[in-house]
Amino acid sequence: MKRNREYLNRWLVAKNVMKKSRGIWITNKAFLLIISGLLVFLFFNLYPIAYSVYLAFTNANFYNIMGKYSVIGLENFRKIFFHPNTKFYYSLGRTVLFVITSVPLKVAFGIALAVLLNSAIIRGRAIFRSLLILPWTLPAVLSILMWRGLFNMDFGAINKILMSIGFPAINWLNDTMNAFIAYNIVEVWLAYPFMMTVILAALQSIPPELYDSAQIDGAGRLQRLRYVTLPLIFRPLWFATILTSNASFQAFLVPYLLNGGGPARTNEFVILYGYKEAFQIGEFGYAAAFMVIISLIIMAFMFIGMKAGRMTGEE
């Protein structure tokens, strides 16, 4: 009896060892299968980031990028912050102004459309939803080029409509302020489907009984929107706003394709400015330092925004 129990214990120990060995083999096999993908990810993502950070501390430019550049320490960062002709503060201020103007428009437009599509009085809501997310499905480059044609001063449809009702033609893309307004219009067109979809999903999760109770208590439409709808959709609305603000801060395609950030580089946002410094002027080290600073600003903004959202939601 004792001998049988010893055999049983040995068999159980051997079985556990085999299971562990088999689990280790399965884990190692899975790792071997994904290691190629990890290497590709590291090469195409982490390596360029690390190399860009390294370039930020060098004098690399178009002429010495093949290996003759040298480390110059914090000189590029000194030029960005303290050089008399630095464009850092101007491009950063222009970008912040764009975020301040475009994000509220996107949020307001998204809320308005989501509330309309969530209303029972609107018929054919499925058709309208499909049509309204059309800008989201089209390639951004195609949409922006379409808008560039619409804003053309001579033959653009927007000026044709304005002139047909008695207004003069507007030089949309060759005037600093008009071009900035055009950026906002195109950005809202590209981004409102995302805001509308997020807010609409949040609205549909609100129990109808809450609206019925508020209506019984005498709350009107605006009061129900303010005291019932907005508090209940605040969390998804806040995070969607943070993501949209981050995307607006990194706006590149809209100014680049509409008029190259012009006229005369007066509407260059930070990403476009860094791109031109690197690939048009050829100052790779300076542009890399500039983008390192911008990346830190974006990360700080995202961290503060997410932290503020969690704290507000807890309250």
C-alpha atoms as a PDB file:
ATOM      1  CA  MET A   1       0.000   0.000   0.000  1.00  0.00           C
ATOM      2  CA  LYS A   2       2.798   2.339   0.911  1.00  0.00           C
ATOM      3  CA  ARG A   3       4.678   1.428  -2.253  1.00  0.00           C
ATOM      4  CA  ASN A   4       1.599   2.136  -4.398  1.00  0.00           C
ATOM      5  CA  ARG A   5       1.232   5.544  -2.773  1.00  0.00           C
ATOM      6  CA  GLU A   6       4.888   6.356  -3.573  1.00  0.00           C
ATOM      7  CA  TYR A   7       4.348   5.324  -7.201  1.00  0.00           C
ATOM      8  CA  LEU A   8       1.260   7.521  -7.352  1.00  0.00           C
ATOM      9  CA  ASN A   9       3.133  10.517  -5.945  1.00  0.00           C
ATOM     10  CA  ARG A  10       5.977  10.014  -8.410  1.00  0.00           C
ATOM     11  CA  TRP A  11       3.492   9.782 -11.280  1.00  0.00           C
ATOM     12  CA  LEU A  12       1.780  12.998 -10.188  1.00  0.00           C
ATOM     13  CA  VAL A  13       5.121  14.798  -9.902  1.00  0.00           C
ATOM     14  CA  ALA A  14       6.156  13.573 -13.348  1.00  0.00           C
ATOM     15  CA  LYS A  15       2.804  14.634 -14.777  1.00  0.00           C
ATOM     16  CA  ASN A  16       3.167  18.138 -13.312  1.00  0.00           C
ATOM     17  CA  VAL A  17       6.690  18.397 -14.701  1.00  0.00           C
ATOM     18  CA  MET A  18       5.436  17.359 -18.148  1.00  0.00           C
ATOM     19  CA  LYS A  19       2.628  19.935 -17.978  1.00  0.00           C
ATOM     20  CA  LYS A  20       5.066  22.670 -17.021  1.00  0.00           C
ATOM     21  CA  SER A  21       7.483  21.625 -19.749  1.00  0.00           C
ATOM     22  CA  ARG A  22       4.663  21.564 -22.257  1.00  0.00           C
ATOM     23  CA  GLY A  23       3.469  25.004 -21.112  1.00  0.00           C
ATOM     24  CA  ILE A  24       6.995  26.410 -21.398  1.00  0.00           C
ATOM     25  CA  TRP A  25       7.305  24.913 -24.892  1.00  0.00           C
ATOM     26  CA  ILE A  26       3.961  26.401 -25.958  1.00  0.00           C
ATOM     27  CA  THR A  27       4.991  29.791 -24.567  1.00  0.00           C
ATOM     28  CA  ASN A  28       8.357  29.654 -26.303  1.00  0.00           C
ATOM     29  CA  LYS A  29       6.722  28.519 -29.525  1.00  0.00           C
ATOM     30  CA  ALA A  30       4.286  31.429 -29.396  1.00  0.00           C
ATOM     31  CA  PHE A  31       7.174  33.802 -28.735  1.00  0.00           C
ATOM     32  CA  LEU A  32       9.084  32.408 -31.709  1.00  0.00           C
ATOM     33  CA  LEU A  33       6.046  32.980 -33.906  1.00  0.00           C
ATOM     34  CA  ILE A  34       5.666  36.645 -32.924  1.00  0.00           C
ATOM     35  CA  ILE A  35       9.335  37.568 -32.611  1.00  0.00           C
ATOM     36  CA  SER A  36       9.576  38.479 -36.304  1.00  0.00           C
ATOM     37  CA  GLY A  37       6.657  40.873 -35.938  1.00  0.00           C
ATOM     38  CA  LEU A  38       8.231  42.367 -32.803  1.00  0.00           C
ATOM     39  CA  LEU A  39      11.511  42.925 -34.617  1.00  0.00           C
ATOM     40  CA  VAL A  40       9.730  44.667 -37.489  1.00  0.00           C
ATOM     41  CA  PHE A  41       7.826  46.829 -34.988  1.00  0.00           C
ATOM     42  CA  LEU A  42      11.008  47.765 -33.147  1.00  0.00           C
ATOM     43  CA  PHE A  43      12.819  48.597 -36.374  1.00  0.00           C
ATOM     44  CA  PHE A  44      10.083  50.739 -37.908  1.00  0.00           C
ATOM     45  CA  ASN A  45       8.928  52.445 -34.686  1.00  0.00           C
ATOM     46  CA  LEU A  46      11.414  52.517 -31.833  1.00  0.00           C
ATOM     47  CA  TYR A  47      14.537  52.835 -33.959  1.00  0.00           C
ATOM     48  CA  PRO A  48      13.379  55.987 -35.824  1.00  0.00           C
ATOM     49  CA  ILE A  49      12.303  57.548 -32.531  1.00  0.00           C
ATOM     50  CA  ALA A  50      15.633  56.807 -30.868  1.00  0.00           C
ATOM     51  CA  TYR A  51      17.547  57.983 -33.947  1.00  0.00           C
ATOM     52  CA  SER A  52      15.542  61.218 -34.075  1.00  0.00           C
ATOM     53  CA  VAL A  53      16.302  61.917 -30.420  1.00  0.00           C
ATOM     54  CA  TYR A  54      19.988  61.334 -31.178  1.00  0.00           C
ATOM     55  CA  LEU A  55      19.869  63.679 -34.187  1.00  0.00           C
ATOM     56  CA  ALA A  56      18.415  66.396 -31.954  1.00  0.00           C
ATOM     57  CA  PHE A  57      21.813  66.714 -30.278  1.00  0.00           C
ATOM     58  CA  THR A  58      23.801  66.896 -33.546  1.00  0.00           C
ATOM     59  CA  ASN A  59      24.415  69.397 -36.350  1.00  0.00           C
ATOM     60  CA  ALA A  60      23.022  67.019 -38.977  1.00  0.00           C
ATOM     61  CA  ASN A  61      21.816  68.668 -42.167  1.00  0.00           C
ATOM     62  CA  PHE A  62      21.257  67.869 -45.819  1.00  0.00           C
ATOM     63  CA  TYR A  63      24.969  68.011 -46.631  1.00  0.00           C
ATOM     64  CA  ASN A  64      26.462  65.953 -43.789  1.00  0.00           C
ATOM     65  CA  ILE A  65      23.667  63.458 -43.024  1.00  0.00           C
ATOM     66  CA  MET A  66      25.655  60.582 -44.530  1.00  0.00           C
ATOM     67  CA  GLY A  67      27.910  60.450 -41.498  1.00  0.00           C
ATOM     68  CA  LYS A  68      29.984  63.643 -41.194  1.00  0.00           C
ATOM     69  CA  TYR A  69      27.779  65.352 -38.605  1.00  0.00           C
ATOM     70  CA  SER A  70      28.855  65.678 -34.982  1.00  0.00           C
ATOM     71  CA  VAL A  71      27.282  66.003 -31.562  1.00  0.00           C
ATOM     72  CA  ILE A  72      26.765  69.636 -30.493  1.00  0.00           C
ATOM     73  CA  GLY A  73      24.892  69.093 -27.221  1.00  0.00           C
ATOM     74  CA  LEU A  74      21.986  71.423 -26.498  1.00  0.00           C
ATOM     75  CA  GLU A  75      22.781  73.940 -29.238  1.00  0.00           C
ATOM     76  CA  ASN A  76      19.680  73.102 -31.294  1.00  0.00           C
ATOM     77  CA  PHE A  77      17.445  73.503 -28.257  1.00  0.00           C
ATOM     78  CA  ARG A  78      19.116  76.852 -27.458  1.00  0.00           C
ATOM     79  CA  LYS A  79      18.370  78.056 -30.998  1.00  0.00           C
ATOM     80  CA  ILE A  80      14.746  76.949 -30.707  1.00  0.00           C
ATOM     81  CA  PHE A  81      14.090  78.722 -27.424  1.00  0.00           C
ATOM     82  CA  PHE A  82      16.426  81.728 -27.468  1.00  0.00           C
ATOM     83  CA  HIS A  83      17.445  82.594 -31.033  1.00  0.00           C
ATOM     84  CA  PRO A  84      16.151  86.069 -32.028  1.00  0.00           C
ATOM     85  CA  ASN A  85      14.630  84.719 -35.252  1.00  0.00           C
ATOM     86  CA  THR A  86      13.145  81.554 -33.793  1.00  0.00           C
ATOM     87  CA  LYS A  87       9.758  80.536 -35.177  1.00  0.00           C
ATOM     88  CA  PHE A  88       9.024  78.151 -32.316  1.00  0.00           C
ATOM     89  CA  TYR A  89       6.769  80.475 -30.333  1.00  0.00           C
ATOM     90  CA  TYR A  90       4.901  81.713 -33.394  1.00  0.00           C
ATOM     91  CA  SER A  91       4.171  78.244 -34.783  1.00  0.00           C
ATOM     92  CA  LEU A  92       3.264  76.947 -31.324  1.00  0.00           C
ATOM     93  CA  GLY A  93       0.928  79.885 -30.727  1.00  0.00           C
ATOM     94  CA  ARG A  94      -0.659  79.433 -34.144  1.00  0.00           C
ATOM     95  CA  THR A  95      -1.186  75.757 -33.396  1.00  0.00           C
ATOM     96  CA  VAL A  96      -2.723  76.423 -29.979  1.00  0.00           C
ATOM     97  CA  LEU A  97      -5.031  78.995 -31.561  1.00  0.00           C
ATOM     98  CA  PHE A  98      -6.086  76.384 -34.108  1.00  0.00           C
ATOM     99  CA  VAL A  99      -6.849  73.894 -31.330  1.00  0.00           C
ATOM    100  CA  ILE A 100      -8.857  76.538 -29.433  1.00  0.00           C
ATOM    101  CA  THR A 101     -10.944  77.400 -32.496  1.00  0.00           C
ATOM    102  CA  SER A 102     -11.375  74.030 -34.188  1.00  0.00           C
ATOM    103  CA  VAL A 103     -12.059  71.700 -31.236  1.00  0.00           C
ATOM    104  CA  PRO A 104     -15.146  73.582 -29.898  1.00  0.00           C
ATOM    105  CA  LEU A 105     -16.544  73.622 -33.437  1.00  0.00           C
ATOM    106  CA  LYS A 106     -16.052  69.866 -33.767  1.00  0.00           C
ATOM    107  CA  VAL A 107     -17.595  69.177 -30.362  1.00  0.00           C
ATOM    108  CA  ALA A 108     -20.584  71.483 -30.959  1.00  0.00           C
ATOM    109  CA  PHE A 109     -21.186  70.082 -34.440  1.00  0.00           C
ATOM    110  CA  GLY A 110     -20.860  66.499 -33.178  1.00  0.00           C
ATOM    111  CA  ILE A 111     -23.251  67.062 -30.262  1.00  0.00           C
ATOM    112  CA  ALA A 112     -25.832  68.781 -32.469  1.00  0.00           C
ATOM    113  CA  LEU A 113     -25.844  66.006 -35.072  1.00  0.00           C
ATOM    114  CA  ALA A 114     -25.826  63.251 -32.446  1.00  0.00           C
ATOM    115  CA  VAL A 115     -28.800  64.778 -30.622  1.00  0.00           C
ATOM    116  CA  LEU A 116     -30.713  65.100 -33.909  1.00  0.00           C
ATOM    117  CA  LEU A 117     -29.971  61.524 -34.944  1.00  0.00           C
ATOM    118  CA  ASN A 118     -30.939  60.278 -31.495  1.00  0.00           C
ATOM    119  CA  SER A 119     -34.286  62.077 -31.633  1.00  0.00           C
ATOM    120  CA  ALA A 120     -37.377  59.984 -32.339  1.00  0.00           C
ATOM    121  CA  ILE A 121     -38.864  62.718 -34.511  1.00  0.00           C
ATOM    122  CA  ILE A 122     -36.187  62.226 -37.190  1.00  0.00           C
ATOM    123  CA  ARG A 123     -37.232  59.609 -39.723  1.00  0.00           C
ATOM    124  CA  GLY A 124     -34.769  57.630 -41.784  1.00  0.00           C
ATOM    125  CA  ARG A 125     -32.075  57.958 -39.139  1.00  0.00           C
ATOM    126  CA  ALA A 126     -30.135  54.959 -40.446  1.00  0.00           C
ATOM    127  CA  ILE A 127     -29.833  56.598 -43.861  1.00  0.00           C
ATOM    128  CA  PHE A 128     -28.718  59.908 -42.362  1.00  0.00           C
ATOM    129  CA  ARG A 129     -26.124  58.155 -40.202  1.00  0.00           C
ATOM    130  CA  SER A 130     -24.662  56.435 -43.235  1.00  0.00           C
ATOM    131  CA  LEU A 131     -24.483  59.720 -45.133  1.00  0.00           C
ATOM    132  CA  LEU A 132     -23.059  61.718 -42.244  1.00  0.00           C
ATOM    133  CA  ILE A 133     -20.108  59.377 -41.669  1.00  0.00           C
ATOM    134  CA  LEU A 134     -19.150  59.655 -45.343  1.00  0.00           C
ATOM    135  CA  PRO A 135     -16.262  62.100 -44.641  1.00  0.00           C
ATOM    136  CA  TRP A 136     -14.851  59.480 -42.257  1.00  0.00           C
ATOM    137  CA  THR A 137     -14.823  56.796 -44.947  1.00  0.00           C
ATOM    138  CA  LEU A 138     -13.171  58.885 -47.667  1.00  0.00           C
ATOM    139  CA  PRO A 139      -9.361  59.209 -47.758  1.00  0.00           C
ATOM    140  CA  ALA A 140      -8.328  62.424 -46.012  1.00  0.00           C
ATOM    141  CA  VAL A 141      -6.107  63.467 -48.913  1.00  0.00           C
ATOM    142  CA  LEU A 142      -9.016  63.194 -51.344  1.00  0.00           C
ATOM    143  CA  SER A 143     -11.312  65.233 -49.092  1.00  0.00           C
ATOM    144  CA  ILE A 144      -8.734  67.985 -48.558  1.00  0.00           C
ATOM    145  CA  LEU A 145      -7.965  68.260 -52.266  1.00  0.00           C
ATOM    146  CA  MET A 146     -11.688  68.483 -52.945  1.00  0.00           C
ATOM    147  CA  TRP A 147     -11.940  71.355 -50.467  1.00  0.00           C
ATOM    148  CA  ARG A 148      -8.948  73.074 -52.073  1.00  0.00           C
ATOM    149  CA  GLY A 149     -10.878  73.138 -55.316  1.00  0.00           C
ATOM    150  CA  LEU A 150     -13.964  74.480 -53.546  1.00  0.00           C
ATOM    151  CA  PHE A 151     -11.901  77.298 -51.985  1.00  0.00           C
ATOM    152  CA  ASN A 152     -10.261  78.319 -55.258  1.00  0.00           C
ATOM    153  CA  MET A 153     -10.749  82.050 -55.761  1.00  0.00           C
ATOM    154  CA  ASP A 154     -11.399  81.978 -59.507  1.00  0.00           C
ATOM    155  CA  PHE A 155     -13.488  78.879 -60.151  1.00  0.00           C
ATOM    156  CA  GLY A 156     -14.256  77.474 -56.683  1.00  0.00           C
ATOM    157  CA  ALA A 157     -17.875  76.607 -55.919  1.00  0.00           C
ATOM    158  CA  ILE A 158     -17.844  78.530 -52.620  1.00  0.00           C
ATOM    159  CA  ASN A 159     -16.990  81.831 -54.287  1.00  0.00           C
ATOM    160  CA  LYS A 160     -19.482  81.123 -57.082  1.00  0.00           C
ATOM    161  CA  ILE A 161     -22.241  80.735 -54.491  1.00  0.00           C
ATOM    162  CA  LEU A 162     -21.163  83.902 -52.649  1.00  0.00           C
ATOM    163  CA  MET A 163     -21.105  85.914 -55.862  1.00  0.00           C
ATOM    164  CA  SER A 164     -24.505  84.577 -56.909  1.00  0.00           C
ATOM    165  CA  ILE A 165     -26.091  86.096 -53.789  1.00  0.00           C
ATOM    166  CA  GLY A 166     -24.286  89.422 -54.082  1.00  0.00           C
ATOM    167  CA  PHE A 167     -21.117  88.933 -52.011  1.00  0.00           C
ATOM    168  CA  PRO A 168     -17.617  89.497 -53.399  1.00  0.00           C
ATOM    169  CA  ALA A 169     -15.241  86.605 -54.027  1.00  0.00           C
ATOM    170  CA  ILE A 170     -12.979  85.782 -51.085  1.00  0.00           C
ATOM    171  CA  ASN A 171      -9.280  85.017 -51.432  1.00  0.00           C
ATOM    172  CA  TRP A 172      -9.455  81.961 -49.199  1.00  0.00           C
ATOM    173  CA  LEU A 173      -6.032  80.397 -49.547  1.00  0.00           C
ATOM    174  CA  ASN A 174      -3.739  83.398 -50.130  1.00  0.00           C
ATOM    175  CA  ASP A 175      -4.783  85.429 -47.097  1.00  0.00           C
ATOM    176  CA  THR A 176      -3.555  84.507 -43.619  1.00  0.00           C
ATOM    177  CA  MET A 177      -6.831  84.887 -41.748  1.00  0.00           C
ATOM    178  CA  ASN A 178      -9.013  83.475 -44.526  1.00  0.00           C
ATOM    179  CA  ALA A 179      -6.728  80.465 -44.873  1.00  0.00           C
ATOM    180  CA  PHE A 180      -6.938  79.891 -41.115  1.00  0.00           C
ATOM    181  CA  ILE A 181     -10.742  79.941 -41.347  1.00  0.00           C
ATOM    182  CA  ALA A 182     -10.561  77.483 -44.247  1.00  0.00           C
ATOM    183  CA  TYR A 183      -8.403  75.147 -42.121  1.00  0.00           C
ATOM    184  CA  ASN A 184     -11.106  75.170 -39.442  1.00  0.00           C
ATOM    185  CA  ILE A 185     -13.859  74.399 -41.928  1.00  0.00           C
ATOM    186  CA  VAL A 186     -11.996  71.468 -43.446  1.00  0.00           C
ATOM    187  CA  GLU A 187     -10.930  70.148 -40.036  1.00  0.00           C
ATOM    188  CA  VAL A 188     -14.524  70.168 -38.800  1.00  0.00           C
ATOM    189  CA  TRP A 189     -15.603  68.321 -41.950  1.00  0.00           C
ATOM    190  CA  LEU A 190     -12.968  65.634 -41.385  1.00  0.00           C
ATOM    191  CA  ALA A 191     -13.452  65.204 -37.624  1.00  0.00           C
ATOM    192  CA  TYR A 192     -17.153  65.625 -36.886  1.00  0.00           C
ATOM    193  CA  PRO A 193     -18.058  61.984 -37.784  1.00  0.00           C
ATOM    194  CA  PHE A 194     -15.819  60.741 -34.969  1.00  0.00           C
ATOM    195  CA  MET A 195     -17.337  63.109 -32.419  1.00  0.00           C
ATOM    196  CA  MET A 196     -20.849  62.381 -33.650  1.00  0.00           C
ATOM    197  CA  THR A 197     -20.349  58.601 -33.436  1.00  0.00           C
ATOM    198  CA  VAL A 198     -18.918  58.701 -29.903  1.00  0.00           C
ATOM    199  CA  ILE A 199     -21.612  61.050 -28.597  1.00  0.00           C
ATOM    200  CA  LEU A 200     -24.407  59.153 -30.350  1.00  0.00           C
ATOM    201  CA  ALA A 201     -23.276  55.887 -28.740  1.00  0.00           C
ATOM    202  CA  ALA A 202     -23.230  57.611 -25.339  1.00  0.00           C
ATOM    203  CA  LEU A 203     -26.693  59.087 -25.888  1.00  0.00           C
ATOM    204  CA  GLN A 204     -28.163  55.709 -26.758  1.00  0.00           C
ATOM    205  CA  SER A 205     -26.922  54.294 -23.451  1.00  0.00           C
ATOM    206  CA  ILE A 206     -28.999  56.788 -21.404  1.00  0.00           C
ATOM    207  CA  PRO A 207     -32.209  55.200 -20.043  1.00  0.00           C
ATOM    208  CA  PRO A 208     -35.333  56.931 -21.460  1.00  0.00           C
ATOM    209  CA  GLU A 209     -36.875  56.886 -17.975  1.00  0.00           C
ATOM    210  CA  LEU A 210     -34.523  59.668 -16.913  1.00  0.00           C
ATOM    211  CA  TYR A 211     -35.898  61.967 -19.598  1.00  0.00           C
ATOM    212  CA  ASP A 212     -39.450  61.032 -18.655  1.00  0.00           C
ATOM    213  CA  SER A 213     -38.785  61.863 -15.005  1.00  0.00           C
ATOM    214  CA  ALA A 214     -37.169  65.179 -15.914  1.00  0.00           C
ATOM    215  CA  GLN A 215     -40.080  66.044 -18.179  1.00  0.00           C
ATOM    216  CA  ILE A 216     -42.566  65.247 -15.413  1.00  0.00           C
ATOM    217  CA  ASP A 217     -40.616  67.585 -13.123  1.00  0.00           C
ATOM    218  CA  GLY A 218     -41.123  70.352 -15.665  1.00  0.00           C
ATOM    219  CA  ALA A 219     -37.695  70.362 -17.352  1.00  0.00           C
ATOM    220  CA  GLY A 220     -37.690  71.736 -20.890  1.00  0.00           C
ATOM    221  CA  ARG A 221     -35.517  70.568 -23.803  1.00  0.00           C
ATOM    222  CA  LEU A 222     -32.544  72.757 -22.912  1.00  0.00           C
ATOM    223  CA  GLN A 223     -32.795  71.848 -19.225  1.00  0.00           C
ATOM    224  CA  ARG A 224     -32.894  68.133 -20.036  1.00  0.00           C
ATOM    225  CA  LEU A 225     -29.874  68.602 -22.274  1.00  0.00           C
ATOM    226  CA  ARG A 226     -27.969  70.480 -19.571  1.00  0.00           C
ATOM    227  CA  TYR A 227     -28.913  68.510 -16.456  1.00  0.00           C
ATOM    228  CA  VAL A 228     -29.498  65.006 -17.840  1.00  0.00           C
ATOM    229  CA  THR A 229     -27.741  64.488 -21.159  1.00  0.00           C
ATOM    230  CA  LEU A 230     -24.453  66.341 -20.749  1.00  0.00           C
ATOM    231  CA  PRO A 231     -23.582  64.989 -17.263  1.00  0.00           C
ATOM    232  CA  LEU A 232     -24.248  61.406 -18.380  1.00  0.00           C
ATOM    233  CA  ILE A 233     -22.193  61.642 -21.578  1.00  0.00           C
ATOM    234  CA  PHE A 234     -19.432  63.743 -20.021  1.00  0.00           C
ATOM    235  CA  ARG A 235     -16.901  60.932 -19.678  1.00  0.00           C
ATOM    236  CA  PRO A 236     -16.902  59.741 -23.332  1.00  0.00           C
ATOM    237  CA  LEU A 237     -17.303  63.332 -24.510  1.00  0.00           C
ATOM    238  CA  TRP A 238     -14.261  64.403 -22.521  1.00  0.00           C
ATOM    239  CA  PHE A 239     -12.008  61.636 -23.810  1.00  0.00           C
ATOM    240  CA  ALA A 240     -13.187  62.191 -27.392  1.00  0.00           C
ATOM    241  CA  THR A 241     -12.395  65.896 -26.950  1.00  0.00           C
ATOM    242  CA  ILE A 242      -8.910  65.109 -25.655  1.00  0.00           C
ATOM    243  CA  LEU A 243      -8.221  62.816 -28.620  1.00  0.00           C
ATOM    244  CA  THR A 244      -9.581  65.388 -31.052  1.00  0.00           C
ATOM    245  CA  SER A 245      -7.495  68.139 -29.446  1.00  0.00           C
ATOM    246  CA  ASN A 246      -4.411  65.966 -29.792  1.00  0.00           C
ATOM    247  CA  ALA A 247      -5.200  65.362 -33.466  1.00  0.00           C
ATOM    248  CA  SER A 248      -5.746  69.105 -34.042  1.00  0.00           C
ATOM    249  CA  PHE A 249      -2.430  69.890 -32.368  1.00  0.00           C
ATOM    250  CA  GLN A 250      -0.756  67.537 -34.841  1.00  0.00           C
ATOM    251  CA  ALA A 251      -2.604  68.911 -37.874  1.00  0.00           C
ATOM    252  CA  PHE A 252      -0.436  68.483 -40.952  1.00  0.00           C
ATOM    253  CA  LEU A 253      -2.361  67.376 -44.021  1.00  0.00           C
ATOM    254  CA  VAL A 254      -4.940  70.183 -43.945  1.00  0.00           C
ATOM    255  CA  PRO A 255      -2.508  73.146 -44.050  1.00  0.00           C
ATOM    256  CA  TYR A 256       0.015  71.273 -46.178  1.00  0.00           C
ATOM    257  CA  LEU A 257      -2.403  70.309 -48.937  1.00  0.00           C
ATOM    258  CA  LEU A 258      -4.554  73.453 -48.915  1.00  0.00           C
ATOM    259  CA  ASN A 259      -1.792  76.047 -49.302  1.00  0.00           C
ATOM    260  CA  GLY A 260       1.406  74.697 -47.743  1.00  0.00           C
ATOM    261  CA  GLY A 261       0.889  76.610 -44.499  1.00  0.00           C
ATOM    262  CA  GLY A 262       0.927  79.941 -46.302  1.00  0.00           C
ATOM    263  CA  PRO A 263       0.876  82.521 -47.409  1.00  0.00           C
ATOM    264  CA  ALA A 264       4.593  83.052 -46.736  1.00  0.00           C
ATOM    265  CA  ARG A 265       4.664  80.413 -43.959  1.00  0.00           C
ATOM    266  CA  THR A 266       2.292  82.445 -41.776  1.00  0.00           C
ATOM    267  CA  ASN A 267       0.014  79.477 -41.055  1.00  0.00           C
ATOM    268  CA  GLU A 268       2.576  76.787 -40.360  1.00  0.00           C
ATOM    269  CA  PHE A 269       1.553  74.634 -37.425  1.00  0.00           C
ATOM    270  CA  VAL A 270       4.228  72.860 -35.417  1.00  0.00           C
ATOM    271  CA  ILE A 271       4.231  69.553 -37.312  1.00  0.00           C
ATOM    272  CA  LEU A 272       4.318  71.283 -40.687  1.00  0.00           C
ATOM    273  CA  TYR A 273       7.060  73.635 -39.502  1.00  0.00           C
ATOM    274  CA  GLY A 274       9.197  70.720 -38.325  1.00  0.00           C
ATOM    275  CA  TYR A 275       8.581  68.881 -41.592  1.00  0.00           C
ATOM    276  CA  LYS A 276       9.705  71.852 -43.702  1.00  0.00           C
ATOM    277  CA  GLU A 277      12.763  72.463 -41.561  1.00  0.00           C
ATOM    278  CA  ALA A 278      13.812  68.857 -42.099  1.00  0.00           C
ATOM    279  CA  PHE A 279      12.833  68.005 -45.672  1.00  0.00           C
ATOM    280  CA  GLN A 280      12.749  71.363 -47.450  1.00  0.00           C
ATOM    281  CA  ILE A 281      15.439  73.377 -45.675  1.00  0.00           C
ATOM    282  CA  GLY A 282      17.480  70.307 -44.713  1.00  0.00           C
ATOM    283  CA  GLU A 283      18.192  71.137 -41.057  1.00  0.00           C
ATOM    284  CA  PHE A 284      17.688  67.618 -39.709  1.00  0.00           C
ATOM    285  CA  GLY A 285      19.245  68.164 -36.293  1.00  0.00           C
ATOM    286  CA  TYR A 286      17.288  71.363 -35.646  1.00  0.00           C
ATOM    287  CA  ALA A 287      14.031  69.776 -36.871  1.00  0.00           C
ATOM    288  CA  ALA A 288      14.621  66.690 -34.717  1.00  0.00           C
ATOM    289  CA  ALA A 289      15.127  68.863 -31.626  1.00  0.00           C
ATOM    290  CA  PHE A 290      11.983  70.799 -32.502  1.00  0.00           C
ATOM    291  CA  MET A 291       9.936  67.606 -32.810  1.00  0.00           C
ATOM    292  CA  VAL A 292      11.326  66.235 -29.524  1.00  0.00           C
ATOM    293  CA  ILE A 293      10.013  69.361 -27.778  1.00  0.00           C
ATOM    294  CA  ILE A 294       6.643  69.068 -29.520  1.00  0.00           C
ATOM    295  CA  SER A 295       6.375  65.380 -28.591  1.00  0.00           C
ATOM    296  CA  LEU A 296       6.987  66.212 -24.943  1.00  0.00           C
ATOM    297  CA  ILE A 297       4.309  68.917 -25.088  1.00  0.00           C
ATOM    298  CA  ILE A 298       1.814  66.481 -26.637  1.00  0.00           C
ATOM    299  CA  MET A 299       2.541  63.808 -24.021  1.00  0.00           C
ATOM    300  CA  ALA A 300       2.157  66.330 -21.201  1.00  0.00           C
ATOM    301  CA  PHE A 301      -1.118  67.557 -22.658  1.00  0.00           C
ATOM    302  CA  MET A 302      -2.486  64.013 -22.994  1.00  0.00           C
ATOM    303  CA  PHE A 303      -1.428  63.118 -19.450  1.00  0.00           C
ATOM    304  CA  ILE A 304      -2.989  66.244 -17.918  1.00  0.00           C
ATOM    305  CA  GLY A 305      -6.160  65.842 -19.986  1.00  0.00           C
ATOM    306  CA  MET A 306      -6.665  62.195 -19.037  1.00  0.00           C
ATOM    307  CA  LYS A 307      -5.886  62.918 -15.389  1.00  0.00           C
ATOM    308  CA  ALA A 308      -8.349  65.806 -15.317  1.00  0.00           C
ATOM    309  CA  GLY A 309     -11.002  63.636 -16.944  1.00  0.00           C
ATOM    310  CA  ARG A 310     -10.631  60.908 -14.332  1.00  0.00           C
ATOM    311  CA  MET A 311     -10.709  63.387 -11.444  1.00  0.00           C
ATOM    312  CA  THR A 312     -13.795  65.134 -12.800  1.00  0.00           C
ATOM    313  CA  GLY A 313     -15.510  61.833 -13.408  1.00  0.00           C
ATOM    314  CA  GLU A 314     -14.839  60.708  -9.845  1.00  0.00           C
ATOM    315  CA  GLU A 315     -16.378  63.817  -8.437  1.00  0.00           C
END
